[in-house]
Amino acid sequence: MQLMTASVNPPRRYDSTGRQRQAEQSRQLVLESALELFVSEGYAATTIAAIADASGVSVETIYKAFGGKPGLIRALRERALIGDEPETTEQRSDRLRDAASDPRQIIEIWAGLSTEVLPRVGPILLVLRSAAQADPSLAGLRDELDAARLSRMGDHADHLAERGLLRSDITRDEARDLLFTYSSPELYDLLVLRQQWTLARFAQFTADAMTSALLNATDPQRDIDPQISR
């Protein structure tokens, strides 16, 4: 008697790529919806339910992914700083800064990248500023994000001081505070959003102001000894 054998198809390997891509798309949709509602309706008036409805996901999904509205603000800021480039903005800033030999070029790099980031991160920080005035529980998040930017500006001030570029009549902390001011969402709001300055004009203004306030009086075109560059 001839034995009949049934062909058995090998089990299909589970491919999570599509599921991960869909999850990432949903995450980005939630962030876009949250940003739009925060800006148009205000932080306090925007509910997680409204964000869930606008993005087509459940309330539980948002809480699981972000932990609530403060987590959404933090995620929006992080996304804005990363941008669309393979490098983060901070990584690109450091790379360009360290390759620059002209002191003014260093300042222009910072002004240009700040102007690139502010349209993305500025509205988020301004929403948080306004919300923290009405909700003291958000003051900690506001202070945390301010502290992170202040620390970053301190790194920039250290770089100028270590390369001998900082004016002799200004301290490192004063330089940090000036950089903090010229990269602030408040200045962007005042000149670009309210006074309708173009981004190019705003970048030129901040570059000129920082150059005047921070750099020493030596020829800005002089070469810098690469051995003292970080």
C-alpha atoms as a PDB file:
ATOM      1  CA  MET A   1       0.000   0.000   0.000  1.00  0.00           C
ATOM      2  CA  GLN A   2       1.366   3.385  -1.042  1.00  0.00           C
ATOM      3  CA  LEU A   3       1.755   5.852   1.783  1.00  0.00           C
ATOM      4  CA  MET A   4       0.482   9.350   1.163  1.00  0.00           C
ATOM      5  CA  THR A   5       2.431  12.169   2.779  1.00  0.00           C
ATOM      6  CA  ALA A   6       0.887  15.581   3.263  1.00  0.00           C
ATOM      7  CA  SER A   7       3.004  18.545   2.388  1.00  0.00           C
ATOM      8  CA  VAL A   8       3.505  20.825   5.341  1.00  0.00           C
ATOM      9  CA  ASN A   9       4.136  24.508   4.740  1.00  0.00           C
ATOM     10  CA  PRO A  10       6.825  25.945   7.008  1.00  0.00           C
ATOM     11  CA  PRO A  11       5.482  28.429   9.537  1.00  0.00           C
ATOM     12  CA  ARG A  12       5.637  32.001   8.381  1.00  0.00           C
ATOM     13  CA  ARG A  13       8.159  34.135  10.199  1.00  0.00           C
ATOM     14  CA  TYR A  14       6.555  36.980  12.115  1.00  0.00           C
ATOM     15  CA  ASP A  15       7.517  40.315  10.648  1.00  0.00           C
ATOM     16  CA  SER A  16       7.147  43.177  13.120  1.00  0.00           C
ATOM     17  CA  THR A  17       8.377  45.840  10.688  1.00  0.00           C
ATOM     18  CA  GLY A  18       4.912  46.786   9.510  1.00  0.00           C
ATOM     19  CA  ARG A  19       3.563  46.941  13.050  1.00  0.00           C
ATOM     20  CA  GLN A  20       6.459  49.128  14.181  1.00  0.00           C
ATOM     21  CA  ARG A  21       5.995  51.451  11.216  1.00  0.00           C
ATOM     22  CA  GLN A  22       2.289  51.768  11.971  1.00  0.00           C
ATOM     23  CA  ALA A  23       3.034  52.471  15.654  1.00  0.00           C
ATOM     24  CA  GLU A  24       5.496  55.193  14.698  1.00  0.00           C
ATOM     25  CA  GLN A  25       3.001  56.762  12.307  1.00  0.00           C
ATOM     26  CA  SER A  26       0.378  56.770  15.062  1.00  0.00           C
ATOM     27  CA  ARG A  27       2.869  58.342  17.463  1.00  0.00           C
ATOM     28  CA  GLN A  28       3.665  61.142  15.035  1.00  0.00           C
ATOM     29  CA  LEU A  29      -0.029  61.741  14.370  1.00  0.00           C
ATOM     30  CA  VAL A  30      -0.664  62.050  18.113  1.00  0.00           C
ATOM     31  CA  LEU A  31       2.170  64.572  18.441  1.00  0.00           C
ATOM     32  CA  GLU A  32       0.940  66.618  15.482  1.00  0.00           C
ATOM     33  CA  SER A  33      -2.596  66.664  16.874  1.00  0.00           C
ATOM     34  CA  ALA A  34      -1.355  67.600  20.338  1.00  0.00           C
ATOM     35  CA  LEU A  35       0.767  70.463  19.024  1.00  0.00           C
ATOM     36  CA  GLU A  36      -2.065  71.845  16.901  1.00  0.00           C
ATOM     37  CA  LEU A  37      -4.511  71.741  19.804  1.00  0.00           C
ATOM     38  CA  PHE A  38      -2.054  73.117  22.357  1.00  0.00           C
ATOM     39  CA  VAL A  39      -1.317  76.101  20.127  1.00  0.00           C
ATOM     40  CA  SER A  40      -4.888  76.771  18.983  1.00  0.00           C
ATOM     41  CA  GLU A  41      -6.844  75.941  22.158  1.00  0.00           C
ATOM     42  CA  GLY A  42      -4.240  76.376  24.885  1.00  0.00           C
ATOM     43  CA  TYR A  43      -2.649  73.789  27.118  1.00  0.00           C
ATOM     44  CA  ALA A  44      -5.243  73.867  29.897  1.00  0.00           C
ATOM     45  CA  ALA A  45      -8.220  73.650  27.541  1.00  0.00           C
ATOM     46  CA  THR A  46      -6.788  70.742  25.566  1.00  0.00           C
ATOM     47  CA  THR A  47      -7.753  67.328  26.894  1.00  0.00           C
ATOM     48  CA  ILE A  48      -6.192  63.960  26.227  1.00  0.00           C
ATOM     49  CA  ALA A  49      -9.600  62.881  24.937  1.00  0.00           C
ATOM     50  CA  ALA A  50      -9.533  65.675  22.344  1.00  0.00           C
ATOM     51  CA  ILE A  51      -6.034  64.682  21.231  1.00  0.00           C
ATOM     52  CA  ALA A  52      -7.110  61.040  20.998  1.00  0.00           C
ATOM     53  CA  ASP A  53     -10.161  61.968  18.945  1.00  0.00           C
ATOM     54  CA  ALA A  54      -8.118  64.160  16.585  1.00  0.00           C
ATOM     55  CA  SER A  55      -5.482  61.488  16.040  1.00  0.00           C
ATOM     56  CA  GLY A  56      -7.784  58.462  15.885  1.00  0.00           C
ATOM     57  CA  VAL A  57      -6.307  56.539  18.803  1.00  0.00           C
ATOM     58  CA  SER A  58      -7.571  55.664  22.259  1.00  0.00           C
ATOM     59  CA  VAL A  59      -7.021  57.724  25.368  1.00  0.00           C
ATOM     60  CA  GLU A  60      -5.296  54.708  26.926  1.00  0.00           C
ATOM     61  CA  THR A  61      -2.826  54.571  24.034  1.00  0.00           C
ATOM     62  CA  ILE A  62      -1.751  58.163  24.642  1.00  0.00           C
ATOM     63  CA  TYR A  63      -1.351  57.663  28.384  1.00  0.00           C
ATOM     64  CA  LYS A  64       0.639  54.481  27.797  1.00  0.00           C
ATOM     65  CA  ALA A  65       2.960  56.127  25.265  1.00  0.00           C
ATOM     66  CA  PHE A  66       3.396  59.572  26.823  1.00  0.00           C
ATOM     67  CA  GLY A  67       2.021  59.506  30.352  1.00  0.00           C
ATOM     68  CA  GLY A  68      -0.176  62.559  29.848  1.00  0.00           C
ATOM     69  CA  LYS A  69       0.142  66.138  28.646  1.00  0.00           C
ATOM     70  CA  PRO A  70       3.549  66.903  30.234  1.00  0.00           C
ATOM     71  CA  GLY A  71       4.962  63.842  28.478  1.00  0.00           C
ATOM     72  CA  LEU A  72       3.534  65.086  25.193  1.00  0.00           C
ATOM     73  CA  ILE A  73       5.248  68.462  25.660  1.00  0.00           C
ATOM     74  CA  ARG A  74       8.570  66.752  26.398  1.00  0.00           C
ATOM     75  CA  ALA A  75       8.201  64.469  23.352  1.00  0.00           C
ATOM     76  CA  LEU A  76       7.335  67.429  21.122  1.00  0.00           C
ATOM     77  CA  ARG A  77      10.438  69.292  22.262  1.00  0.00           C
ATOM     78  CA  GLU A  78      12.678  66.277  21.694  1.00  0.00           C
ATOM     79  CA  ARG A  79      11.240  65.756  18.219  1.00  0.00           C
ATOM     80  CA  ALA A  80      11.783  69.433  17.386  1.00  0.00           C
ATOM     81  CA  LEU A  81      15.437  69.283  18.445  1.00  0.00           C
ATOM     82  CA  ILE A  82      16.093  66.155  16.389  1.00  0.00           C
ATOM     83  CA  GLY A  83      14.621  67.621  13.204  1.00  0.00           C
ATOM     84  CA  ASP A  84      14.723  65.862   9.854  1.00  0.00           C
ATOM     85  CA  GLU A  85      18.484  65.364   9.535  1.00  0.00           C
ATOM     86  CA  PRO A  86      20.374  62.132  10.362  1.00  0.00           C
ATOM     87  CA  GLU A  87      22.254  64.094  13.032  1.00  0.00           C
ATOM     88  CA  THR A  88      20.505  65.854  15.864  1.00  0.00           C
ATOM     89  CA  THR A  89      20.706  69.632  15.808  1.00  0.00           C
ATOM     90  CA  GLU A  90      23.116  69.591  18.740  1.00  0.00           C
ATOM     91  CA  GLN A  91      25.411  67.081  17.027  1.00  0.00           C
ATOM     92  CA  ARG A  92      25.405  69.114  13.834  1.00  0.00           C
ATOM     93  CA  SER A  93      26.069  72.297  15.799  1.00  0.00           C
ATOM     94  CA  ASP A  94      29.111  70.795  17.513  1.00  0.00           C
ATOM     95  CA  ARG A  95      30.501  69.368  14.283  1.00  0.00           C
ATOM     96  CA  LEU A  96      30.165  72.632  12.373  1.00  0.00           C
ATOM     97  CA  ARG A  97      31.426  74.692  15.310  1.00  0.00           C
ATOM     98  CA  ASP A  98      34.561  72.595  15.757  1.00  0.00           C
ATOM     99  CA  ALA A  99      35.366  72.791  12.040  1.00  0.00           C
ATOM    100  CA  ALA A 100      35.028  76.586  11.878  1.00  0.00           C
ATOM    101  CA  SER A 101      38.175  78.721  11.918  1.00  0.00           C
ATOM    102  CA  ASP A 102      36.456  82.118  11.785  1.00  0.00           C
ATOM    103  CA  PRO A 103      35.062  83.254  15.169  1.00  0.00           C
ATOM    104  CA  ARG A 104      32.165  85.061  13.537  1.00  0.00           C
ATOM    105  CA  GLN A 105      31.352  81.923  11.575  1.00  0.00           C
ATOM    106  CA  ILE A 106      30.949  80.050  14.866  1.00  0.00           C
ATOM    107  CA  ILE A 107      28.396  82.619  16.008  1.00  0.00           C
ATOM    108  CA  GLU A 108      26.609  82.507  12.650  1.00  0.00           C
ATOM    109  CA  ILE A 109      26.375  78.715  12.901  1.00  0.00           C
ATOM    110  CA  TRP A 110      24.699  79.015  16.280  1.00  0.00           C
ATOM    111  CA  ALA A 111      22.351  81.751  15.069  1.00  0.00           C
ATOM    112  CA  GLY A 112      21.425  79.767  11.969  1.00  0.00           C
ATOM    113  CA  LEU A 113      20.736  76.541  13.822  1.00  0.00           C
ATOM    114  CA  SER A 114      18.800  78.364  16.523  1.00  0.00           C
ATOM    115  CA  THR A 115      16.648  79.958  13.818  1.00  0.00           C
ATOM    116  CA  GLU A 116      16.147  76.512  12.300  1.00  0.00           C
ATOM    117  CA  VAL A 117      14.988  75.006  15.589  1.00  0.00           C
ATOM    118  CA  LEU A 118      12.903  77.850  17.034  1.00  0.00           C
ATOM    119  CA  PRO A 119       9.976  77.578  14.569  1.00  0.00           C
ATOM    120  CA  ARG A 120       9.617  73.951  15.685  1.00  0.00           C
ATOM    121  CA  VAL A 121      10.344  74.176  19.407  1.00  0.00           C
ATOM    122  CA  GLY A 122       9.362  77.797  20.117  1.00  0.00           C
ATOM    123  CA  PRO A 123       5.577  77.308  20.007  1.00  0.00           C
ATOM    124  CA  ILE A 124       5.896  74.293  22.320  1.00  0.00           C
ATOM    125  CA  LEU A 125       7.909  76.204  24.910  1.00  0.00           C
ATOM    126  CA  LEU A 126       5.620  79.210  24.693  1.00  0.00           C
ATOM    127  CA  VAL A 127       2.612  76.961  25.343  1.00  0.00           C
ATOM    128  CA  LEU A 128       4.408  75.524  28.363  1.00  0.00           C
ATOM    129  CA  ARG A 129       5.314  79.001  29.664  1.00  0.00           C
ATOM    130  CA  SER A 130       1.672  80.073  29.540  1.00  0.00           C
ATOM    131  CA  ALA A 131       0.393  76.831  31.039  1.00  0.00           C
ATOM    132  CA  ALA A 132       2.867  76.890  33.938  1.00  0.00           C
ATOM    133  CA  GLN A 133       1.461  80.224  35.104  1.00  0.00           C
ATOM    134  CA  ALA A 134      -1.944  78.626  35.658  1.00  0.00           C
ATOM    135  CA  ASP A 135      -0.755  75.145  36.657  1.00  0.00           C
ATOM    136  CA  PRO A 136       2.123  75.112  39.180  1.00  0.00           C
ATOM    137  CA  SER A 137       2.630  71.394  38.537  1.00  0.00           C
ATOM    138  CA  LEU A 138       4.065  72.330  35.131  1.00  0.00           C
ATOM    139  CA  ALA A 139       6.646  74.713  36.573  1.00  0.00           C
ATOM    140  CA  GLY A 140       9.012  71.796  37.159  1.00  0.00           C
ATOM    141  CA  LEU A 141       8.889  70.770  33.500  1.00  0.00           C
ATOM    142  CA  ARG A 142       9.382  74.380  32.393  1.00  0.00           C
ATOM    143  CA  ASP A 143      12.392  74.714  34.702  1.00  0.00           C
ATOM    144  CA  GLU A 144      13.799  71.372  33.522  1.00  0.00           C
ATOM    145  CA  LEU A 145      13.696  72.409  29.866  1.00  0.00           C
ATOM    146  CA  ASP A 146      15.115  75.846  30.657  1.00  0.00           C
ATOM    147  CA  ALA A 147      17.945  74.225  32.614  1.00  0.00           C
ATOM    148  CA  ALA A 148      18.784  71.957  29.684  1.00  0.00           C
ATOM    149  CA  ARG A 149      19.024  74.926  27.295  1.00  0.00           C
ATOM    150  CA  LEU A 150      21.001  76.974  29.818  1.00  0.00           C
ATOM    151  CA  SER A 151      23.479  74.104  30.205  1.00  0.00           C
ATOM    152  CA  ARG A 152      23.847  73.908  26.437  1.00  0.00           C
ATOM    153  CA  MET A 153      24.560  77.631  26.242  1.00  0.00           C
ATOM    154  CA  GLY A 154      27.136  77.155  28.996  1.00  0.00           C
ATOM    155  CA  ASP A 155      28.922  74.638  26.766  1.00  0.00           C
ATOM    156  CA  HIS A 156      28.998  77.236  23.983  1.00  0.00           C
ATOM    157  CA  ALA A 157      30.382  79.869  26.357  1.00  0.00           C
ATOM    158  CA  ASP A 158      33.092  77.435  27.496  1.00  0.00           C
ATOM    159  CA  HIS A 159      34.032  76.820  23.878  1.00  0.00           C
ATOM    160  CA  LEU A 160      34.534  80.528  23.216  1.00  0.00           C
ATOM    161  CA  ALA A 161      36.532  80.968  26.416  1.00  0.00           C
ATOM    162  CA  GLU A 162      38.771  77.962  25.796  1.00  0.00           C
ATOM    163  CA  ARG A 163      39.614  79.160  22.283  1.00  0.00           C
ATOM    164  CA  GLY A 164      40.420  82.656  23.522  1.00  0.00           C
ATOM    165  CA  LEU A 165      37.534  84.241  21.646  1.00  0.00           C
ATOM    166  CA  LEU A 166      35.505  85.592  24.536  1.00  0.00           C
ATOM    167  CA  ARG A 167      35.757  89.275  25.368  1.00  0.00           C
ATOM    168  CA  SER A 168      37.966  89.962  28.373  1.00  0.00           C
ATOM    169  CA  ASP A 169      35.327  92.119  30.062  1.00  0.00           C
ATOM    170  CA  ILE A 170      32.652  89.424  30.090  1.00  0.00           C
ATOM    171  CA  THR A 171      32.504  86.358  32.311  1.00  0.00           C
ATOM    172  CA  ARG A 172      31.707  82.877  31.212  1.00  0.00           C
ATOM    173  CA  ASP A 173      28.350  82.971  33.023  1.00  0.00           C
ATOM    174  CA  GLU A 174      27.467  86.311  31.441  1.00  0.00           C
ATOM    175  CA  ALA A 175      28.243  84.857  28.011  1.00  0.00           C
ATOM    176  CA  ARG A 176      26.079  81.847  28.814  1.00  0.00           C
ATOM    177  CA  ASP A 177      23.195  84.099  29.858  1.00  0.00           C
ATOM    178  CA  LEU A 178      23.448  86.207  26.696  1.00  0.00           C
ATOM    179  CA  LEU A 179      23.423  83.101  24.504  1.00  0.00           C
ATOM    180  CA  PHE A 180      20.438  81.853  26.502  1.00  0.00           C
ATOM    181  CA  THR A 181      18.616  85.122  25.812  1.00  0.00           C
ATOM    182  CA  TYR A 182      19.312  85.257  22.074  1.00  0.00           C
ATOM    183  CA  SER A 183      18.147  81.660  21.632  1.00  0.00           C
ATOM    184  CA  SER A 184      14.976  82.167  23.682  1.00  0.00           C
ATOM    185  CA  PRO A 185      11.478  81.439  22.396  1.00  0.00           C
ATOM    186  CA  GLU A 186      10.403  84.787  23.871  1.00  0.00           C
ATOM    187  CA  LEU A 187      12.711  86.747  21.542  1.00  0.00           C
ATOM    188  CA  TYR A 188      11.555  84.632  18.598  1.00  0.00           C
ATOM    189  CA  ASP A 189       7.936  85.293  19.573  1.00  0.00           C
ATOM    190  CA  LEU A 190       8.510  89.042  19.907  1.00  0.00           C
ATOM    191  CA  LEU A 191      10.327  89.622  16.623  1.00  0.00           C
ATOM    192  CA  VAL A 192       9.217  86.836  14.264  1.00  0.00           C
ATOM    193  CA  LEU A 193       5.701  85.929  15.370  1.00  0.00           C
ATOM    194  CA  ARG A 194       4.557  89.365  16.521  1.00  0.00           C
ATOM    195  CA  GLN A 195       6.608  91.801  14.441  1.00  0.00           C
ATOM    196  CA  GLN A 196       6.666  89.530  11.377  1.00  0.00           C
ATOM    197  CA  TRP A 197      10.431  89.541  10.905  1.00  0.00           C
ATOM    198  CA  THR A 198      11.658  87.005   8.387  1.00  0.00           C
ATOM    199  CA  LEU A 199      13.752  84.144   9.721  1.00  0.00           C
ATOM    200  CA  ALA A 200      16.704  85.396   7.675  1.00  0.00           C
ATOM    201  CA  ARG A 201      16.478  88.837   9.267  1.00  0.00           C
ATOM    202  CA  PHE A 202      16.127  87.300  12.726  1.00  0.00           C
ATOM    203  CA  ALA A 203      19.178  85.079  12.172  1.00  0.00           C
ATOM    204  CA  GLN A 204      21.253  88.049  11.009  1.00  0.00           C
ATOM    205  CA  PHE A 205      20.146  90.137  13.984  1.00  0.00           C
ATOM    206  CA  THR A 206      21.030  87.465  16.542  1.00  0.00           C
ATOM    207  CA  ALA A 207      24.373  86.749  14.855  1.00  0.00           C
ATOM    208  CA  ASP A 208      25.303  90.446  14.853  1.00  0.00           C
ATOM    209  CA  ALA A 209      24.160  90.939  18.440  1.00  0.00           C
ATOM    210  CA  MET A 210      26.022  87.893  19.753  1.00  0.00           C
ATOM    211  CA  THR A 211      29.165  88.809  17.833  1.00  0.00           C
ATOM    212  CA  SER A 212      29.165  92.301  19.314  1.00  0.00           C
ATOM    213  CA  ALA A 213      28.379  91.110  22.829  1.00  0.00           C
ATOM    214  CA  LEU A 214      30.686  88.104  23.038  1.00  0.00           C
ATOM    215  CA  LEU A 215      33.686  88.186  20.730  1.00  0.00           C
ATOM    216  CA  ASN A 216      36.923  89.943  21.597  1.00  0.00           C
ATOM    217  CA  ALA A 217      38.197  92.881  19.570  1.00  0.00           C
ATOM    218  CA  THR A 218      40.714  90.935  17.507  1.00  0.00           C
ATOM    219  CA  ASP A 219      40.264  90.555  13.766  1.00  0.00           C
ATOM    220  CA  PRO A 220      37.329  88.155  13.325  1.00  0.00           C
ATOM    221  CA  GLN A 221      38.947  86.764  10.204  1.00  0.00           C
ATOM    222  CA  ARG A 222      42.115  85.610  11.952  1.00  0.00           C
ATOM    223  CA  ASP A 223      42.887  81.922  11.899  1.00  0.00           C
ATOM    224  CA  ILE A 224      42.639  79.980  15.111  1.00  0.00           C
ATOM    225  CA  ASP A 225      45.335  77.547  16.127  1.00  0.00           C
ATOM    226  CA  PRO A 226      43.682  74.135  15.591  1.00  0.00           C
ATOM    227  CA  GLN A 227      45.623  72.740  18.552  1.00  0.00           C
ATOM    228  CA  ILE A 228      43.536  74.826  20.949  1.00  0.00           C
ATOM    229  CA  SER A 229      40.279  73.773  19.316  1.00  0.00           C
ATOM    230  CA  ARG A 230      38.295  71.119  21.085  1.00  0.00           C
END
